[in-house]
Amino acid sequence: MESSDYNLLKSQFEALVADEPDVLANTSNFVGLLFNALDKINWLGIYVLRDGELVLGPFQGKPACIRIPIGRGVCGTAAATLETQLVPNVHEFPGHIPCDDASLSEIVVPLIIDGALVGVLDIDSPITDRFNAIDKEGLELLCSAFCESQSGRKFI
């Protein structure tokens, strides 16, 4: 995808949530929009921070790991560092948690609302090197728009 495609997705997402106060509905639509817009992915979802660990939230794809400790795997590392993790080959990532053997690359973006980590956006692909700097920048833009749209609300 190009940067302009991510900007279009941002506009589409903002239109979807403009008049909807329900965080669960907005999170589900965010996941659905991205899953259907991105190519060459096999899983996309949100892990929500609950009592010091990441717990599976709205997603699209095969059933997934339910709980991930902070600091473990790609998702846990993104949550611990508050930095996007772009992993070209998950088999080379120390401590990778294999929820689906078909997944070969991954990107995880922390979700920060009102200054606090609330979860992560996790996207898996069945091909290596699926995600690049444009994807990272675009997904961070989308996650920022998502977080801004849910500001002041209790996260799911």
N, C-alpha and C. Protein backbone atom coordinates (compact mmCIF):
# COMPACT_ATOMS: atom_id res chain seq x y z
N MET A 1 0.84 -1.19 0.00
CA MET A 1 0.00 0.00 0.00
C MET A 1 0.88 1.25 0.00
N GLU A 2 0.33 2.28 -0.54
CA GLU A 2 1.01 3.58 -0.55
C GLU A 2 0.53 4.41 0.63
N SER A 3 1.26 5.47 0.93
CA SER A 3 0.87 6.38 2.01
C SER A 3 -0.54 6.93 1.80
N SER A 4 -0.86 7.24 0.55
CA SER A 4 -2.18 7.80 0.25
C SER A 4 -3.30 6.81 0.56
N ASP A 5 -3.02 5.50 0.41
CA ASP A 5 -4.01 4.48 0.74
C ASP A 5 -4.30 4.50 2.24
N TYR A 6 -3.27 4.68 3.04
CA TYR A 6 -3.46 4.74 4.50
C TYR A 6 -4.24 6.00 4.89
N ASN A 7 -3.98 7.10 4.20
CA ASN A 7 -4.74 8.33 4.46
C ASN A 7 -6.22 8.14 4.13
N LEU A 8 -6.50 7.42 3.04
CA LEU A 8 -7.89 7.12 2.67
C LEU A 8 -8.54 6.23 3.73
N LEU A 9 -7.82 5.22 4.19
CA LEU A 9 -8.34 4.35 5.26
C LEU A 9 -8.63 5.15 6.52
N LYS A 10 -7.78 6.10 6.83
CA LYS A 10 -7.99 6.96 8.01
C LYS A 10 -9.30 7.72 7.86
N SER A 11 -9.53 8.29 6.70
CA SER A 11 -10.78 9.02 6.44
C SER A 11 -11.99 8.10 6.53
N GLN A 12 -11.86 6.90 6.00
CA GLN A 12 -12.96 5.93 6.07
C GLN A 12 -13.25 5.55 7.51
N PHE A 13 -12.19 5.31 8.29
CA PHE A 13 -12.39 4.96 9.69
C PHE A 13 -13.07 6.09 10.45
N GLU A 14 -12.58 7.31 10.25
CA GLU A 14 -13.16 8.46 10.95
C GLU A 14 -14.64 8.62 10.62
N ALA A 15 -15.03 8.34 9.38
CA ALA A 15 -16.44 8.40 9.00
C ALA A 15 -17.25 7.30 9.70
N LEU A 16 -16.64 6.12 9.84
CA LEU A 16 -17.32 5.00 10.50
C LEU A 16 -17.65 5.30 11.96
N VAL A 17 -16.76 5.98 12.65
CA VAL A 17 -16.91 6.17 14.10
C VAL A 17 -17.41 7.57 14.48
N ALA A 18 -17.67 8.40 13.50
CA ALA A 18 -17.99 9.81 13.78
C ALA A 18 -19.12 9.99 14.79
N ASP A 19 -20.16 9.21 14.71
CA ASP A 19 -21.31 9.39 15.59
C ASP A 19 -21.54 8.21 16.52
N GLU A 20 -20.54 7.32 16.65
CA GLU A 20 -20.72 6.12 17.47
C GLU A 20 -19.89 6.21 18.75
N PRO A 21 -20.55 6.23 19.91
CA PRO A 21 -19.81 6.32 21.17
C PRO A 21 -19.33 4.98 21.72
N ASP A 22 -19.81 3.85 21.19
CA ASP A 22 -19.47 2.55 21.75
C ASP A 22 -18.08 2.09 21.32
N VAL A 23 -17.19 1.92 22.28
CA VAL A 23 -15.79 1.56 22.00
C VAL A 23 -15.69 0.18 21.37
N LEU A 24 -16.46 -0.78 21.84
CA LEU A 24 -16.39 -2.13 21.28
C LEU A 24 -16.82 -2.13 19.81
N ALA A 25 -17.89 -1.42 19.49
CA ALA A 25 -18.33 -1.33 18.10
C ALA A 25 -17.27 -0.66 17.23
N ASN A 26 -16.69 0.42 17.73
CA ASN A 26 -15.66 1.13 16.97
C ASN A 26 -14.40 0.29 16.78
N THR A 27 -14.03 -0.46 17.82
CA THR A 27 -12.86 -1.33 17.73
C THR A 27 -13.11 -2.43 16.71
N SER A 28 -14.29 -3.00 16.73
CA SER A 28 -14.64 -4.07 15.79
C SER A 28 -14.62 -3.55 14.35
N ASN A 29 -15.16 -2.36 14.13
CA ASN A 29 -15.14 -1.79 12.79
C ASN A 29 -13.72 -1.43 12.34
N PHE A 30 -12.90 -0.97 13.26
CA PHE A 30 -11.49 -0.68 12.96
C PHE A 30 -10.79 -1.94 12.47
N VAL A 31 -10.97 -3.03 13.19
CA VAL A 31 -10.36 -4.32 12.82
C VAL A 31 -10.90 -4.79 11.47
N GLY A 32 -12.20 -4.74 11.29
CA GLY A 32 -12.80 -5.20 10.03
C GLY A 32 -12.35 -4.38 8.83
N LEU A 33 -12.28 -3.06 9.01
CA LEU A 33 -11.83 -2.19 7.93
C LEU A 33 -10.41 -2.54 7.50
N LEU A 34 -9.52 -2.66 8.48
CA LEU A 34 -8.12 -2.95 8.16
C LEU A 34 -7.95 -4.34 7.56
N PHE A 35 -8.62 -5.33 8.13
CA PHE A 35 -8.48 -6.70 7.63
C PHE A 35 -8.87 -6.80 6.17
N ASN A 36 -9.91 -6.09 5.79
CA ASN A 36 -10.39 -6.16 4.40
C ASN A 36 -9.62 -5.25 3.46
N ALA A 37 -8.88 -4.29 3.99
CA ALA A 37 -8.13 -3.36 3.15
C ALA A 37 -6.71 -3.83 2.86
N LEU A 38 -6.11 -4.57 3.80
CA LEU A 38 -4.72 -4.98 3.65
C LEU A 38 -4.63 -6.32 2.92
N ASP A 39 -3.68 -6.41 2.01
CA ASP A 39 -3.51 -7.68 1.30
C ASP A 39 -2.41 -8.51 1.95
N LYS A 40 -2.40 -9.77 1.63
CA LYS A 40 -1.37 -10.72 2.07
C LYS A 40 -1.24 -10.77 3.60
N ILE A 41 -2.39 -10.75 4.28
CA ILE A 41 -2.39 -10.95 5.73
C ILE A 41 -3.32 -12.11 6.05
N ASN A 42 -3.05 -12.79 7.17
CA ASN A 42 -3.91 -13.90 7.56
C ASN A 42 -4.53 -13.73 8.95
N TRP A 43 -4.15 -12.67 9.65
CA TRP A 43 -4.73 -12.42 10.97
C TRP A 43 -4.54 -10.95 11.31
N LEU A 44 -5.57 -10.36 11.93
CA LEU A 44 -5.49 -8.97 12.36
C LEU A 44 -6.42 -8.80 13.56
N GLY A 45 -5.88 -8.26 14.63
CA GLY A 45 -6.72 -8.07 15.80
C GLY A 45 -6.11 -7.16 16.83
N ILE A 46 -6.89 -6.93 17.86
CA ILE A 46 -6.50 -6.10 18.99
C ILE A 46 -6.33 -7.00 20.21
N TYR A 47 -5.21 -6.81 20.91
CA TYR A 47 -5.04 -7.39 22.24
C TYR A 47 -5.19 -6.24 23.22
N VAL A 48 -6.03 -6.44 24.24
CA VAL A 48 -6.37 -5.42 25.21
C VAL A 48 -5.59 -5.64 26.50
N LEU A 49 -5.08 -4.58 27.09
CA LEU A 49 -4.37 -4.68 28.36
C LEU A 49 -5.38 -4.92 29.48
N ARG A 50 -5.20 -6.04 30.20
CA ARG A 50 -6.07 -6.40 31.32
C ARG A 50 -5.20 -6.94 32.45
N ASP A 51 -5.21 -6.28 33.59
CA ASP A 51 -4.49 -6.76 34.77
C ASP A 51 -3.05 -7.16 34.46
N GLY A 52 -2.36 -6.32 33.70
CA GLY A 52 -0.94 -6.53 33.45
C GLY A 52 -0.60 -7.53 32.37
N GLU A 53 -1.58 -7.96 31.58
CA GLU A 53 -1.30 -8.85 30.44
C GLU A 53 -2.20 -8.47 29.28
N LEU A 54 -1.83 -8.94 28.09
CA LEU A 54 -2.62 -8.66 26.90
C LEU A 54 -3.63 -9.79 26.72
N VAL A 55 -4.90 -9.41 26.52
CA VAL A 55 -5.99 -10.37 26.36
C VAL A 55 -6.64 -10.16 25.00
N LEU A 56 -6.94 -11.24 24.32
CA LEU A 56 -7.52 -11.19 22.98
C LEU A 56 -8.80 -10.37 22.96
N GLY A 57 -8.86 -9.45 22.00
CA GLY A 57 -10.05 -8.63 21.77
C GLY A 57 -10.59 -8.90 20.38
N PRO A 58 -11.29 -7.94 19.77
CA PRO A 58 -11.83 -8.13 18.43
C PRO A 58 -10.73 -8.48 17.43
N PHE A 59 -11.02 -9.47 16.57
CA PHE A 59 -10.03 -9.89 15.57
C PHE A 59 -10.73 -10.49 14.37
N GLN A 60 -9.95 -10.69 13.29
CA GLN A 60 -10.37 -11.39 12.09
C GLN A 60 -9.28 -12.40 11.77
N GLY A 61 -9.68 -13.64 11.50
CA GLY A 61 -8.74 -14.71 11.21
C GLY A 61 -9.04 -15.92 12.05
N LYS A 62 -8.10 -16.87 12.06
CA LYS A 62 -8.27 -18.08 12.84
C LYS A 62 -8.24 -17.79 14.34
N PRO A 63 -8.80 -18.69 15.16
CA PRO A 63 -8.69 -18.52 16.61
C PRO A 63 -7.22 -18.29 16.99
N ALA A 64 -7.03 -17.50 18.06
CA ALA A 64 -5.68 -17.03 18.41
C ALA A 64 -5.36 -17.28 19.87
N CYS A 65 -4.11 -17.03 20.21
CA CYS A 65 -3.69 -17.07 21.62
C CYS A 65 -4.57 -16.08 22.39
N ILE A 66 -4.99 -16.48 23.58
CA ILE A 66 -5.90 -15.63 24.35
C ILE A 66 -5.16 -14.64 25.24
N ARG A 67 -4.09 -15.08 25.89
CA ARG A 67 -3.36 -14.21 26.82
C ARG A 67 -1.87 -14.18 26.47
N ILE A 68 -1.31 -12.97 26.50
CA ILE A 68 0.11 -12.79 26.20
C ILE A 68 0.72 -11.93 27.32
N PRO A 69 1.75 -12.42 27.98
CA PRO A 69 2.40 -11.61 29.02
C PRO A 69 3.13 -10.40 28.42
N ILE A 70 3.11 -9.29 29.14
CA ILE A 70 3.87 -8.11 28.73
C ILE A 70 5.34 -8.50 28.66
N GLY A 71 6.00 -8.12 27.57
CA GLY A 71 7.42 -8.41 27.40
C GLY A 71 7.69 -9.72 26.68
N ARG A 72 6.65 -10.51 26.40
CA ARG A 72 6.85 -11.81 25.74
C ARG A 72 6.29 -11.77 24.32
N GLY A 73 7.05 -12.32 23.38
CA GLY A 73 6.61 -12.34 21.99
C GLY A 73 6.62 -10.95 21.38
N VAL A 74 6.12 -10.87 20.17
CA VAL A 74 6.11 -9.59 19.44
C VAL A 74 5.11 -8.63 20.09
N CYS A 75 3.92 -9.13 20.41
CA CYS A 75 2.91 -8.27 21.04
C CYS A 75 3.36 -7.77 22.40
N GLY A 76 3.86 -8.67 23.22
CA GLY A 76 4.32 -8.29 24.55
C GLY A 76 5.48 -7.32 24.52
N THR A 77 6.35 -7.47 23.52
CA THR A 77 7.48 -6.55 23.36
C THR A 77 7.00 -5.16 22.96
N ALA A 78 6.05 -5.09 22.04
CA ALA A 78 5.49 -3.79 21.65
C ALA A 78 4.84 -3.10 22.84
N ALA A 79 4.14 -3.89 23.66
CA ALA A 79 3.50 -3.32 24.85
C ALA A 79 4.54 -2.84 25.87
N ALA A 80 5.59 -3.61 26.06
CA ALA A 80 6.62 -3.26 27.05
C ALA A 80 7.44 -2.04 26.63
N THR A 81 7.74 -1.94 25.33
CA THR A 81 8.60 -0.86 24.84
C THR A 81 7.82 0.37 24.38
N LEU A 82 6.50 0.18 24.17
CA LEU A 82 5.64 1.23 23.60
C LEU A 82 6.14 1.65 22.22
N GLU A 83 6.74 0.70 21.50
CA GLU A 83 7.24 0.95 20.15
C GLU A 83 6.71 -0.10 19.19
N THR A 84 6.43 0.33 17.98
CA THR A 84 5.99 -0.60 16.94
C THR A 84 7.07 -1.63 16.68
N GLN A 85 6.65 -2.88 16.57
CA GLN A 85 7.56 -3.98 16.25
C GLN A 85 7.25 -4.45 14.83
N LEU A 86 8.21 -4.30 13.93
CA LEU A 86 8.07 -4.76 12.54
C LEU A 86 9.02 -5.95 12.40
N VAL A 87 8.46 -7.13 12.21
CA VAL A 87 9.26 -8.36 12.22
C VAL A 87 9.17 -9.04 10.84
N PRO A 88 10.26 -8.99 10.06
CA PRO A 88 10.26 -9.59 8.72
C PRO A 88 10.09 -11.12 8.74
N ASN A 89 10.65 -11.78 9.76
CA ASN A 89 10.55 -13.24 9.87
C ASN A 89 10.36 -13.58 11.35
N VAL A 90 9.16 -14.02 11.71
CA VAL A 90 8.85 -14.27 13.12
C VAL A 90 9.70 -15.37 13.73
N HIS A 91 10.22 -16.26 12.89
CA HIS A 91 11.05 -17.36 13.40
C HIS A 91 12.41 -16.87 13.88
N GLU A 92 12.76 -15.64 13.54
CA GLU A 92 14.02 -15.06 13.98
C GLU A 92 13.82 -14.11 15.16
N PHE A 93 12.58 -13.97 15.64
CA PHE A 93 12.29 -13.06 16.76
C PHE A 93 12.38 -13.85 18.07
N PRO A 94 13.29 -13.46 18.96
CA PRO A 94 13.43 -14.19 20.23
C PRO A 94 12.13 -14.20 21.03
N GLY A 95 11.69 -15.38 21.42
CA GLY A 95 10.49 -15.51 22.23
C GLY A 95 9.19 -15.41 21.47
N HIS A 96 9.24 -15.50 20.14
CA HIS A 96 8.01 -15.42 19.35
C HIS A 96 7.01 -16.47 19.83
N ILE A 97 5.74 -16.07 19.93
CA ILE A 97 4.67 -16.97 20.35
C ILE A 97 3.92 -17.42 19.09
N PRO A 98 4.08 -18.67 18.67
CA PRO A 98 3.43 -19.13 17.44
C PRO A 98 1.96 -19.52 17.66
N CYS A 99 1.06 -18.60 17.37
CA CYS A 99 -0.37 -18.91 17.47
C CYS A 99 -0.85 -19.63 16.21
N ASP A 100 -0.26 -19.28 15.06
CA ASP A 100 -0.63 -19.89 13.78
C ASP A 100 0.67 -20.15 13.01
N ASP A 101 0.94 -21.41 12.73
CA ASP A 101 2.18 -21.78 12.03
C ASP A 101 2.28 -21.16 10.64
N ALA A 102 1.15 -20.72 10.08
CA ALA A 102 1.17 -20.12 8.75
C ALA A 102 1.74 -18.70 8.77
N SER A 103 1.76 -18.06 9.92
CA SER A 103 2.25 -16.68 10.01
C SER A 103 3.77 -16.64 9.95
N LEU A 104 4.30 -15.80 9.05
CA LEU A 104 5.74 -15.70 8.87
C LEU A 104 6.31 -14.31 9.16
N SER A 105 5.48 -13.28 9.03
CA SER A 105 5.93 -11.93 9.39
C SER A 105 4.81 -11.26 10.18
N GLU A 106 5.19 -10.18 10.89
CA GLU A 106 4.23 -9.58 11.82
C GLU A 106 4.58 -8.12 12.06
N ILE A 107 3.55 -7.34 12.32
CA ILE A 107 3.73 -5.97 12.78
C ILE A 107 2.76 -5.75 13.93
N VAL A 108 3.26 -5.11 14.98
CA VAL A 108 2.45 -4.83 16.17
C VAL A 108 2.63 -3.37 16.56
N VAL A 109 1.51 -2.66 16.70
CA VAL A 109 1.53 -1.23 17.03
C VAL A 109 0.87 -1.04 18.39
N PRO A 110 1.56 -0.40 19.34
CA PRO A 110 0.93 -0.11 20.64
C PRO A 110 -0.22 0.86 20.49
N LEU A 111 -1.24 0.68 21.30
CA LEU A 111 -2.40 1.57 21.32
C LEU A 111 -2.36 2.36 22.63
N ILE A 112 -2.20 3.67 22.51
CA ILE A 112 -2.07 4.53 23.69
C ILE A 112 -3.19 5.57 23.65
N ILE A 113 -4.05 5.50 24.67
CA ILE A 113 -5.17 6.43 24.77
C ILE A 113 -5.01 7.24 26.04
N ASP A 114 -5.10 8.55 25.90
CA ASP A 114 -4.97 9.47 27.04
C ASP A 114 -3.70 9.19 27.83
N GLY A 115 -2.60 8.90 27.12
CA GLY A 115 -1.30 8.71 27.73
C GLY A 115 -1.05 7.34 28.34
N ALA A 116 -2.00 6.43 28.21
CA ALA A 116 -1.84 5.09 28.81
C ALA A 116 -1.98 3.99 27.77
N LEU A 117 -1.14 2.98 27.88
CA LEU A 117 -1.25 1.81 27.02
C LEU A 117 -2.57 1.10 27.31
N VAL A 118 -3.36 0.85 26.25
CA VAL A 118 -4.61 0.12 26.41
C VAL A 118 -4.58 -1.23 25.68
N GLY A 119 -3.60 -1.41 24.81
CA GLY A 119 -3.51 -2.65 24.05
C GLY A 119 -2.57 -2.50 22.88
N VAL A 120 -2.66 -3.46 21.95
CA VAL A 120 -1.85 -3.43 20.74
C VAL A 120 -2.68 -3.88 19.55
N LEU A 121 -2.33 -3.37 18.38
CA LEU A 121 -2.85 -3.88 17.11
C LEU A 121 -1.83 -4.87 16.59
N ASP A 122 -2.27 -6.09 16.31
CA ASP A 122 -1.38 -7.16 15.84
C ASP A 122 -1.82 -7.60 14.45
N ILE A 123 -0.89 -7.65 13.51
CA ILE A 123 -1.18 -8.10 12.15
C ILE A 123 -0.14 -9.12 11.74
N ASP A 124 -0.61 -10.27 11.25
CA ASP A 124 0.25 -11.36 10.80
C ASP A 124 0.09 -11.57 9.30
N SER A 125 1.16 -12.05 8.68
CA SER A 125 1.14 -12.38 7.25
C SER A 125 1.75 -13.75 7.01
N PRO A 126 1.24 -14.47 6.01
CA PRO A 126 1.80 -15.78 5.68
C PRO A 126 3.04 -15.71 4.79
N ILE A 127 3.56 -14.51 4.55
CA ILE A 127 4.79 -14.36 3.77
C ILE A 127 5.82 -13.57 4.58
N THR A 128 7.08 -13.85 4.36
CA THR A 128 8.13 -13.09 5.05
C THR A 128 8.25 -11.71 4.39
N ASP A 129 8.76 -10.77 5.16
CA ASP A 129 8.98 -9.40 4.67
C ASP A 129 7.73 -8.73 4.12
N ARG A 130 6.56 -9.04 4.66
CA ARG A 130 5.31 -8.46 4.17
C ARG A 130 5.21 -6.97 4.49
N PHE A 131 5.71 -6.57 5.66
CA PHE A 131 5.51 -5.20 6.13
C PHE A 131 6.79 -4.38 5.95
N ASN A 132 6.60 -3.10 5.60
CA ASN A 132 7.74 -2.22 5.37
C ASN A 132 7.54 -0.90 6.10
N ALA A 133 8.42 0.05 5.84
CA ALA A 133 8.37 1.35 6.52
C ALA A 133 7.09 2.11 6.20
N ILE A 134 6.58 1.99 4.99
CA ILE A 134 5.32 2.66 4.63
C ILE A 134 4.17 2.06 5.44
N ASP A 135 4.15 0.73 5.59
CA ASP A 135 3.12 0.09 6.40
C ASP A 135 3.22 0.55 7.85
N LYS A 136 4.44 0.60 8.36
CA LYS A 136 4.65 1.02 9.75
C LYS A 136 4.10 2.43 9.96
N GLU A 137 4.49 3.35 9.10
CA GLU A 137 4.03 4.73 9.21
C GLU A 137 2.51 4.82 9.05
N GLY A 138 1.98 4.11 8.07
CA GLY A 138 0.54 4.14 7.81
C GLY A 138 -0.28 3.54 8.95
N LEU A 139 0.19 2.41 9.48
CA LEU A 139 -0.53 1.77 10.58
C LEU A 139 -0.42 2.59 11.86
N GLU A 140 0.71 3.24 12.08
CA GLU A 140 0.82 4.13 13.23
C GLU A 140 -0.14 5.31 13.09
N LEU A 141 -0.29 5.84 11.88
CA LEU A 141 -1.25 6.92 11.62
C LEU A 141 -2.67 6.45 11.95
N LEU A 142 -3.03 5.26 11.47
CA LEU A 142 -4.36 4.72 11.71
C LEU A 142 -4.60 4.45 13.19
N CYS A 143 -3.60 3.90 13.86
CA CYS A 143 -3.75 3.62 15.29
C CYS A 143 -3.87 4.92 16.09
N SER A 144 -3.16 5.94 15.67
CA SER A 144 -3.27 7.24 16.32
C SER A 144 -4.69 7.80 16.15
N ALA A 145 -5.24 7.69 14.94
CA ALA A 145 -6.61 8.15 14.69
C ALA A 145 -7.60 7.34 15.52
N PHE A 146 -7.39 6.04 15.59
CA PHE A 146 -8.25 5.18 16.40
C PHE A 146 -8.21 5.61 17.86
N CYS A 147 -7.01 5.78 18.40
CA CYS A 147 -6.87 6.15 19.81
C CYS A 147 -7.47 7.52 20.10
N GLU A 148 -7.25 8.47 19.21
CA GLU A 148 -7.83 9.80 19.39
C GLU A 148 -9.36 9.73 19.40
N SER A 149 -9.92 8.88 18.54
CA SER A 149 -11.38 8.78 18.44
C SER A 149 -12.00 8.15 19.69
N GLN A 150 -11.22 7.43 20.46
CA GLN A 150 -11.74 6.75 21.65
C GLN A 150 -11.31 7.44 22.94
N SER A 151 -10.65 8.58 22.83
CA SER A 151 -10.17 9.33 23.99
C SER A 151 -11.32 9.66 24.94
N GLY A 152 -11.04 9.53 26.23
CA GLY A 152 -12.03 9.87 27.25
C GLY A 152 -13.05 8.78 27.51
N ARG A 153 -12.94 7.66 26.84
CA ARG A 153 -13.89 6.56 27.02
C ARG A 153 -13.19 5.38 27.68
N LYS A 154 -13.95 4.59 28.42
CA LYS A 154 -13.38 3.37 29.00
C LYS A 154 -13.15 2.38 27.87
N PHE A 155 -11.90 1.94 27.74
CA PHE A 155 -11.57 1.00 26.67
C PHE A 155 -12.15 -0.37 26.98
N ILE A 156 -12.41 -1.13 25.95
CA ILE A 156 -13.09 -2.42 26.09
C ILE A 156 -12.42 -3.36 27.05
